[in-house]
């Protein structure tokens, strides 16, 4: 388990609500630090309480198998085994000032996947462009501007139950960066064939673990696997028209 202190997961105002977290100073984040005065605010968003298909029921109304593959839902953490207290999983990075699930559907880890698609910048003749000072080739990557917060992000998303991370990486890139959900079937097939050339490669795993996310709570948190897929020759994703879709604004 990493000892890095999360910061965004302790933001004062919980996203999409008027709920304020119980203030947690740096020296009280760790569960190993006794803090009998700690009384986190209990909050689960209405969108989660409405019991959508992607969300768990309330604790007590079902028997989740934490730290294991629970049917099609992977409740294992990339951080290792997490503690369970009174039937509730505890955030492996410590206190957040908020109890419950917030905006997250799963008790425990909520798994995401982030594809980092890169290519070399090229001139009009197709020759790689080098940096004026370092003389190294200039690397470009695909990003999206999120509709919800206006920030630039990698076009990733949640891993569906029973889905392999490799499938999520390709699906999310298609939906968010290529707007495949709004593409005619014949074009969608061409897009799938083209990006499969890139995503069928193993890629380079950049990161796997906990995400310091403002949606995190004491009992639910985000984790991700970020994988770099590099279009070395420029004849794969590079030739596809990028178009924002799904959660992307542009």
Protein backbone atom coordinates (compact mmCIF):
# COMPACT_ATOMS: atom_id res chain seq x y z
CA UNK A 1 0.00 0.00 0.00
CA UNK A 2 1.34 3.40 -0.98
CA UNK A 3 1.79 6.08 1.68
CA UNK A 4 1.19 8.98 -0.74
CA UNK A 5 -1.38 11.39 0.73
CA UNK A 6 -4.40 12.07 -1.44
CA UNK A 7 -5.42 15.71 -1.88
CA UNK A 8 -8.29 15.91 -4.40
CA UNK A 9 -10.11 13.19 -2.46
CA UNK A 10 -10.28 15.63 0.47
CA UNK A 11 -11.66 18.63 -1.47
CA UNK A 12 -13.98 20.68 0.75
CA UNK A 13 -17.10 20.57 -1.44
CA UNK A 14 -18.07 17.19 -2.88
CA UNK A 15 -18.58 17.37 -6.69
CA UNK A 16 -22.13 17.84 -7.96
CA UNK A 17 -23.54 18.55 -4.50
CA UNK A 18 -23.70 21.04 -1.64
CA UNK A 19 -22.19 18.48 0.72
CA UNK A 20 -19.03 19.53 2.54
CA UNK A 21 -16.54 16.98 3.78
CA UNK A 22 -15.41 16.67 7.37
CA UNK A 23 -11.99 18.44 7.29
CA UNK A 24 -9.10 15.97 7.35
CA UNK A 25 -5.60 17.42 7.97
CA UNK A 26 -2.56 15.73 6.44
CA UNK A 27 -1.49 14.18 9.73
CA UNK A 28 -4.89 12.51 10.22
CA UNK A 29 -5.33 10.91 6.78
CA UNK A 30 -3.89 7.50 7.68
CA UNK A 31 -6.29 5.00 9.22
CA UNK A 32 -3.42 3.93 11.45
CA UNK A 33 -3.53 7.32 13.18
CA UNK A 34 -6.06 7.21 16.06
CA UNK A 35 -8.71 9.92 15.70
CA UNK A 36 -11.79 9.25 17.86
CA UNK A 37 -13.23 12.67 16.97
CA UNK A 38 -13.47 11.75 13.28
CA UNK A 39 -17.11 11.97 12.15
CA UNK A 40 -17.24 11.88 8.34
CA UNK A 41 -20.30 13.19 6.53
CA UNK A 42 -22.51 10.42 5.10
CA UNK A 43 -23.35 11.08 1.44
CA UNK A 44 -24.37 8.97 -1.53
CA UNK A 45 -25.64 10.80 -4.61
CA UNK A 46 -29.32 10.40 -5.61
CA UNK A 47 -28.17 9.06 -8.98
CA UNK A 48 -26.55 6.14 -7.14
CA UNK A 49 -29.39 5.61 -4.66
CA UNK A 50 -31.78 5.24 -7.62
CA UNK A 51 -30.13 1.83 -8.15
CA UNK A 52 -28.88 2.06 -11.75
CA UNK A 53 -27.42 -1.10 -13.28
CA UNK A 54 -23.85 0.14 -12.77
CA UNK A 55 -24.24 0.64 -9.01
CA UNK A 56 -24.14 -1.73 -6.03
CA UNK A 57 -27.04 -2.02 -3.57
CA UNK A 58 -26.66 -0.66 -0.05
CA UNK A 59 -24.44 -2.57 2.36
CA UNK A 60 -26.64 -4.94 4.32
CA UNK A 61 -28.91 -5.71 1.38
CA UNK A 62 -26.31 -7.86 -0.41
CA UNK A 63 -23.12 -9.76 0.38
CA UNK A 64 -20.21 -8.45 -1.71
CA UNK A 65 -17.01 -10.48 -1.79
CA UNK A 66 -14.46 -7.77 -1.19
CA UNK A 67 -10.82 -8.21 -2.25
CA UNK A 68 -11.87 -10.81 -4.82
CA UNK A 69 -13.51 -11.30 -8.21
CA UNK A 70 -17.18 -11.14 -7.24
CA UNK A 71 -19.00 -12.72 -10.18
CA UNK A 72 -18.40 -10.30 -13.06
CA UNK A 73 -17.45 -7.42 -10.73
CA UNK A 74 -13.77 -7.11 -9.87
CA UNK A 75 -13.54 -5.93 -6.26
CA UNK A 76 -9.78 -6.43 -6.07
CA UNK A 77 -7.59 -3.36 -5.66
CA UNK A 78 -4.39 -2.61 -7.56
CA UNK A 79 -3.10 -1.37 -4.19
CA UNK A 80 -3.37 -4.80 -2.57
CA UNK A 81 -5.91 -6.01 -0.02
CA UNK A 82 -7.89 -3.23 1.66
CA UNK A 83 -9.40 -3.32 5.15
CA UNK A 84 -13.07 -3.95 5.92
CA UNK A 85 -14.68 -2.20 8.90
CA UNK A 86 -18.25 -2.99 9.97
CA UNK A 87 -18.88 -4.52 6.55
CA UNK A 88 -17.61 -1.45 4.69
CA UNK A 89 -14.37 -1.29 2.66
CA UNK A 90 -11.86 1.37 3.72
CA UNK A 91 -10.08 3.62 1.22
CA UNK A 92 -6.47 2.31 1.04
CA UNK A 93 -5.10 5.87 0.99
CA UNK A 94 -6.90 6.89 4.15
CA UNK A 95 -9.64 9.23 5.34
CA UNK A 96 -11.49 11.56 2.97
CA UNK A 97 -13.99 13.24 5.29
CA UNK A 98 -16.94 11.57 3.58
CA UNK A 99 -18.68 8.26 4.26
CA UNK A 100 -20.77 6.34 1.71
CA UNK A 101 -20.29 6.16 -2.06
CA UNK A 102 -20.77 9.72 -3.26
CA UNK A 103 -21.05 9.59 -7.05
CA UNK A 104 -19.36 6.20 -7.38
CA UNK A 105 -21.36 3.06 -8.00
CA UNK A 106 -19.20 0.39 -6.41
CA UNK A 107 -18.30 -0.15 -2.79
CA UNK A 108 -14.51 -0.39 -2.77
CA UNK A 109 -12.51 0.10 -5.98
CA UNK A 110 -14.21 1.53 -9.07
CA UNK A 111 -12.03 0.46 -11.99
CA UNK A 112 -11.24 2.63 -15.00
CA UNK A 113 -8.88 2.39 -17.97
CA UNK A 114 -7.07 5.25 -19.71
CA UNK A 115 -5.53 4.85 -23.19
CA UNK A 116 -2.67 7.25 -23.91
CA UNK A 117 -2.46 7.34 -27.71
CA UNK A 118 0.66 9.01 -29.11
CA UNK A 119 2.32 9.69 -32.45
CA UNK A 120 5.24 11.69 -33.83
CA UNK A 121 4.40 15.15 -35.14
CA UNK A 122 5.04 15.22 -38.90
CA UNK A 123 5.37 17.92 -41.56
CA UNK A 124 3.42 18.08 -44.82
CA UNK A 125 5.76 15.51 -46.40
CA UNK A 126 5.26 13.01 -43.57
CA UNK A 127 8.70 13.55 -42.07
CA UNK A 128 8.91 13.66 -38.24
CA UNK A 129 9.34 17.18 -36.84
CA UNK A 130 12.16 17.68 -34.34
CA UNK A 131 12.36 20.19 -31.49
CA UNK A 132 14.44 23.26 -32.32
CA UNK A 133 16.60 22.99 -29.19
CA UNK A 134 16.70 19.33 -28.14
CA UNK A 135 16.58 18.00 -31.72
CA UNK A 136 14.34 15.20 -30.44
CA UNK A 137 11.19 14.23 -32.32
CA UNK A 138 8.07 16.06 -31.09
CA UNK A 139 5.55 13.70 -29.49
CA UNK A 140 1.81 14.35 -29.73
CA UNK A 141 -1.00 12.67 -27.77
CA UNK A 142 -4.78 12.56 -27.95
CA UNK A 143 -6.72 14.38 -25.23
CA UNK A 144 -10.33 15.47 -24.72
CA UNK A 145 -11.87 18.46 -22.97
CA UNK A 146 -14.43 17.17 -20.49
CA UNK A 147 -17.97 18.54 -20.54
CA UNK A 148 -18.45 18.28 -16.78
CA UNK A 149 -15.46 20.27 -15.53
CA UNK A 150 -13.91 21.84 -18.64
CA UNK A 151 -10.52 20.26 -17.93
CA UNK A 152 -8.35 18.43 -20.45
CA UNK A 153 -8.13 14.70 -19.86
CA UNK A 154 -7.15 11.36 -21.36
CA UNK A 155 -10.11 9.70 -23.17
CA UNK A 156 -10.72 6.92 -20.65
CA UNK A 157 -13.65 5.49 -18.75
CA UNK A 158 -15.04 2.81 -16.48
CA UNK A 159 -14.39 -0.90 -16.94
CA UNK A 160 -17.72 -2.66 -17.46
CA UNK A 161 -18.47 -5.85 -15.46
CA UNK A 162 -16.82 -8.84 -17.10
CA UNK A 163 -14.88 -6.63 -19.50
CA UNK A 164 -11.13 -6.96 -19.98
CA UNK A 165 -9.11 -3.79 -19.50
CA UNK A 166 -7.83 -4.11 -23.07
CA UNK A 167 -11.43 -3.98 -24.31
CA UNK A 168 -12.19 -0.93 -22.19
CA UNK A 169 -9.15 0.91 -23.53
CA UNK A 170 -10.25 0.47 -27.13
CA UNK A 171 -13.96 1.10 -26.47
CA UNK A 172 -13.42 4.30 -24.51
CA UNK A 173 -10.99 5.71 -27.07
CA UNK A 174 -13.51 4.99 -29.84
CA UNK A 175 -16.41 6.56 -27.94
CA UNK A 176 -14.68 9.63 -26.51
CA UNK A 177 -12.07 10.58 -29.11
CA UNK A 178 -13.67 9.27 -32.31
CA UNK A 179 -17.37 9.66 -31.38
CA UNK A 180 -18.04 6.13 -32.61
CA UNK A 181 -21.46 6.02 -30.90
CA UNK A 182 -22.75 8.61 -33.39
CA UNK A 183 -20.97 7.13 -36.41
CA UNK A 184 -22.87 5.23 -39.15
CA UNK A 185 -22.39 1.43 -38.94
CA UNK A 186 -20.28 1.19 -42.10
CA UNK A 187 -17.88 3.89 -40.89
CA UNK A 188 -17.83 2.38 -37.40
CA UNK A 189 -16.56 -0.89 -38.87
CA UNK A 190 -13.72 0.92 -40.65
CA UNK A 191 -12.79 2.75 -37.44
CA UNK A 192 -12.76 -0.53 -35.49
CA UNK A 193 -10.50 -2.20 -38.04
CA UNK A 194 -8.08 0.74 -38.06
CA UNK A 195 -7.73 1.19 -34.30
CA UNK A 196 -7.53 -2.58 -33.75
CA UNK A 197 -4.18 -2.43 -35.53
CA UNK A 198 -2.93 -0.28 -32.67
CA UNK A 199 -4.86 -1.63 -29.69
CA UNK A 200 -4.10 -5.27 -30.47
CA UNK A 201 -0.50 -4.51 -29.49
CA UNK A 202 0.35 -4.94 -25.78
CA UNK A 203 1.14 -1.24 -25.38
CA UNK A 204 3.24 0.13 -22.52
CA UNK A 205 1.67 0.17 -19.07
CA UNK A 206 2.35 3.63 -17.64
CA UNK A 207 0.43 3.38 -14.36
CA UNK A 208 -1.78 0.99 -12.42
CA UNK A 209 -3.26 1.97 -9.09
CA UNK A 210 -5.22 4.45 -7.00
CA UNK A 211 -6.47 7.71 -8.51
CA UNK A 212 -6.65 10.82 -6.33
CA UNK A 213 -10.15 11.76 -7.51
CA UNK A 214 -12.56 14.32 -5.96
CA UNK A 215 -15.34 11.70 -6.16
CA UNK A 216 -13.53 9.35 -3.75
CA UNK A 217 -14.92 8.62 -0.32
CA UNK A 218 -13.89 6.57 2.71
CA UNK A 219 -15.67 3.55 1.20
CA UNK A 220 -15.49 4.03 -2.59
CA UNK A 221 -12.57 5.14 -4.71
CA UNK A 222 -11.25 5.30 -8.27
CA UNK A 223 -8.44 3.14 -9.63
CA UNK A 224 -7.10 2.97 -13.17
CA UNK A 225 -4.76 1.28 -15.60
CA UNK A 226 -3.12 3.74 -18.01
CA UNK A 227 -1.55 2.24 -21.13
CA UNK A 228 0.42 4.00 -23.87
CA UNK A 229 -0.28 2.94 -27.47
CA UNK A 230 2.19 4.59 -29.85
CA UNK A 231 1.38 4.97 -33.56
CA UNK A 232 5.00 4.78 -34.69
CA UNK A 233 4.41 4.85 -38.45
CA UNK A 234 1.44 7.21 -38.46
CA UNK A 235 -0.73 4.86 -40.52
CA UNK A 236 -3.12 3.73 -37.80
CA UNK A 237 -5.09 6.12 -35.56
CA UNK A 238 -3.21 9.10 -37.02
CA UNK A 239 -5.30 8.94 -40.18
CA UNK A 240 -8.65 8.89 -38.40
CA UNK A 241 -10.61 12.14 -37.88
CA UNK A 242 -10.73 12.94 -34.17
CA UNK A 243 -14.21 13.97 -33.01
CA UNK A 244 -15.36 14.52 -29.44
CA UNK A 245 -18.06 12.21 -28.18
CA UNK A 246 -19.64 10.75 -25.04
CA UNK A 247 -18.22 12.76 -22.07
CA UNK A 248 -15.97 14.93 -24.22
CA UNK A 249 -16.72 18.53 -25.10
CA UNK A 250 -13.99 18.76 -27.73
